[in-house]
Amino acid sequence: MKTKASFLCGALIGLLVGSRIGPSLYERVSASASALAKNPKIRSGASTASDRAAHAAKSAGTTAAHQVKHASSAVAHRFGDRFNGVVHHSVRNGNGSSVDDAGL
């Protein structure tokens, strides 16, 4: 829905800037868009879509966090014997602070 709204806004801006007909066409299109945006069915649909998207994003984040934890333990279990002699190091991340790699 957000993509469609962005497309519509872009089309309206293009119509406004590129129109040689004058402001009357823009006013008609603007009035139609405002009426459409005020339609209760459209507002309800947009709200429902927003709620579903928020729920899906939260669910995807939870699933991703779980998969990362599972992957790290699987790698440690599978390759842990290869890293027994590795010396523990401190690694610098992008913002200058040090990150401990004790998980390896």
Protein backbone atom coordinates (compact mmCIF):
# COMPACT_ATOMS: atom_id res chain seq x y z
CA MET A 1 0.00 0.00 0.00
CA LYS A 2 2.88 2.34 0.79
CA THR A 3 4.37 1.70 -2.63
CA LYS A 4 1.10 2.56 -4.31
CA ALA A 5 0.77 5.73 -2.25
CA SER A 6 4.34 6.74 -3.13
CA PHE A 7 3.64 6.09 -6.79
CA LEU A 8 0.47 8.17 -6.62
CA CYS A 9 2.30 11.06 -4.92
CA GLY A 10 5.02 10.90 -7.55
CA ALA A 11 2.44 10.89 -10.31
CA LEU A 12 0.70 13.91 -8.79
CA ILE A 13 3.97 15.80 -8.44
CA GLY A 14 4.84 14.95 -12.03
CA LEU A 15 1.42 16.08 -13.14
CA LEU A 16 1.78 19.32 -11.23
CA VAL A 17 5.27 20.11 -12.50
CA GLY A 18 4.90 18.81 -16.03
CA SER A 19 1.36 19.88 -16.81
CA ARG A 20 0.92 22.60 -19.36
CA ILE A 21 -2.84 22.50 -19.09
CA GLY A 22 -2.87 24.59 -15.94
CA PRO A 23 -3.88 24.18 -12.32
CA SER A 24 -7.43 23.00 -13.07
CA LEU A 25 -6.33 19.44 -13.90
CA TYR A 26 -4.20 19.30 -10.76
CA GLU A 27 -7.13 20.52 -8.64
CA ARG A 28 -9.42 17.82 -10.08
CA VAL A 29 -6.90 15.06 -9.48
CA SER A 30 -6.12 16.40 -6.00
CA ALA A 31 -9.81 16.49 -5.08
CA SER A 32 -10.26 12.92 -6.31
CA ALA A 33 -7.23 11.73 -4.34
CA SER A 34 -8.46 13.48 -1.19
CA ALA A 35 -11.90 11.92 -1.55
CA LEU A 36 -10.31 8.51 -2.04
CA ALA A 37 -8.09 8.97 1.02
CA LYS A 38 -11.09 9.93 3.15
CA ASN A 39 -13.05 6.84 2.10
CA PRO A 40 -13.65 4.67 5.23
CA LYS A 41 -13.06 1.42 3.32
CA ILE A 42 -9.71 2.66 2.04
CA ARG A 43 -8.66 3.88 5.49
CA SER A 44 -9.71 0.58 7.06
CA GLY A 45 -7.80 -1.41 4.45
CA ALA A 46 -4.69 0.72 4.93
CA SER A 47 -4.89 0.29 8.70
CA THR A 48 -5.29 -3.47 8.39
CA ALA A 49 -2.36 -3.69 5.98
CA SER A 50 -0.21 -1.63 8.33
CA ASP A 51 -1.08 -3.88 11.28
CA ARG A 52 -0.31 -7.02 9.28
CA ALA A 53 3.01 -5.61 8.11
CA ALA A 54 4.01 -4.70 11.67
CA HIS A 55 3.12 -8.19 12.89
CA ALA A 56 5.03 -9.83 10.03
CA ALA A 57 8.11 -7.68 10.71
CA LYS A 58 8.06 -8.54 14.42
CA SER A 59 7.65 -12.23 13.64
CA ALA A 60 10.49 -12.14 11.09
CA GLY A 61 12.78 -10.45 13.61
CA THR A 62 12.04 -13.07 16.25
CA THR A 63 12.59 -15.89 13.77
CA ALA A 64 15.86 -14.37 12.56
CA ALA A 65 17.17 -13.98 16.11
CA HIS A 66 16.30 -17.61 16.86
CA GLN A 67 18.01 -18.82 13.68
CA VAL A 68 21.19 -16.86 14.47
CA LYS A 69 21.38 -18.39 17.95
CA HIS A 70 20.78 -21.85 16.50
CA ALA A 71 23.40 -21.36 13.78
CA SER A 72 26.08 -20.19 16.21
CA SER A 73 25.57 -23.18 18.49
CA ALA A 74 25.53 -25.53 15.49
CA VAL A 75 28.83 -24.13 14.20
CA ALA A 76 30.40 -24.32 17.65
CA HIS A 77 29.24 -27.91 18.03
CA ARG A 78 30.40 -28.96 14.58
CA PHE A 79 33.74 -27.14 14.38
CA GLY A 80 34.59 -26.63 18.07
CA ASP A 81 37.34 -29.27 18.02
CA ARG A 82 39.18 -27.36 15.27
CA PHE A 83 39.46 -24.22 17.39
CA ASN A 84 40.75 -25.70 20.66
CA GLY A 85 44.26 -24.28 20.17
CA VAL A 86 43.13 -20.86 18.95
CA VAL A 87 44.23 -17.93 21.09
CA HIS A 88 41.46 -15.70 22.37
CA HIS A 89 41.56 -12.27 20.64
CA SER A 90 39.78 -8.97 20.90
CA VAL A 91 38.41 -7.61 17.61
CA ARG A 92 37.66 -3.98 16.70
CA ASN A 93 34.27 -3.30 15.20
CA GLY A 94 33.34 -0.41 12.87
CA ASN A 95 32.73 2.18 15.58
CA GLY A 96 36.13 1.81 17.28
CA SER A 97 35.06 -0.15 20.35
CA SER A 98 36.44 -3.61 20.93
CA VAL A 99 34.31 -6.71 20.69
CA ASP A 100 35.26 -9.85 22.55
CA ASP A 101 35.24 -13.02 20.43
CA ALA A 102 34.88 -15.42 23.37
CA GLY A 103 32.03 -17.16 21.53
CA LEU A 104 34.52 -18.77 19.15
